[in-house]
């Protein structure tokens, strides 16, 4: 799994790199970038499998990156702000990691990415099946079907 880290705080970025190595040794950090401008430039010629992105950067909010670059790459947002923001959906956020990042939360985020990947690959191959999914809760069923519908529309 090829990862981009967008984080302006060097100690936070290094902590994330260290935790990623502990949680999943298969993760390869492609680059660590600390500004919107540099992120846009890098993403115009590279495509990671997953992006970890701080929200507040020195030159603005990271949402601006995803308004300038057309990507279909999942994002795990990171922030000390502890609140969810509707704009996260615009940056294809699949999970939010509160700062300071800990190993357990990071593992949950990576598991969320792996679930996202499995469901995306099923849609691409036309093999997505509802078999094996527990839909006893209506919100679970609606959420799953909504995500699948969005992925199918993106591919059309």
Foldseek 3Di string as FASTA:
>chain_A
DEEEEAAQDPVLVVVVVVLCCVLPVVYDYPYYHQDLVVLLVVLVPDDGQEYEYEQDGPVHGNLVSLVNDPDPHEYEYEYCPPDDDPSNVSNNYQYYAYPPGDNVRVNVRVVSSVVVVVLLVCLVVVNDDCPPPDCPDVVVVVVVVVSSVVSNVVVD
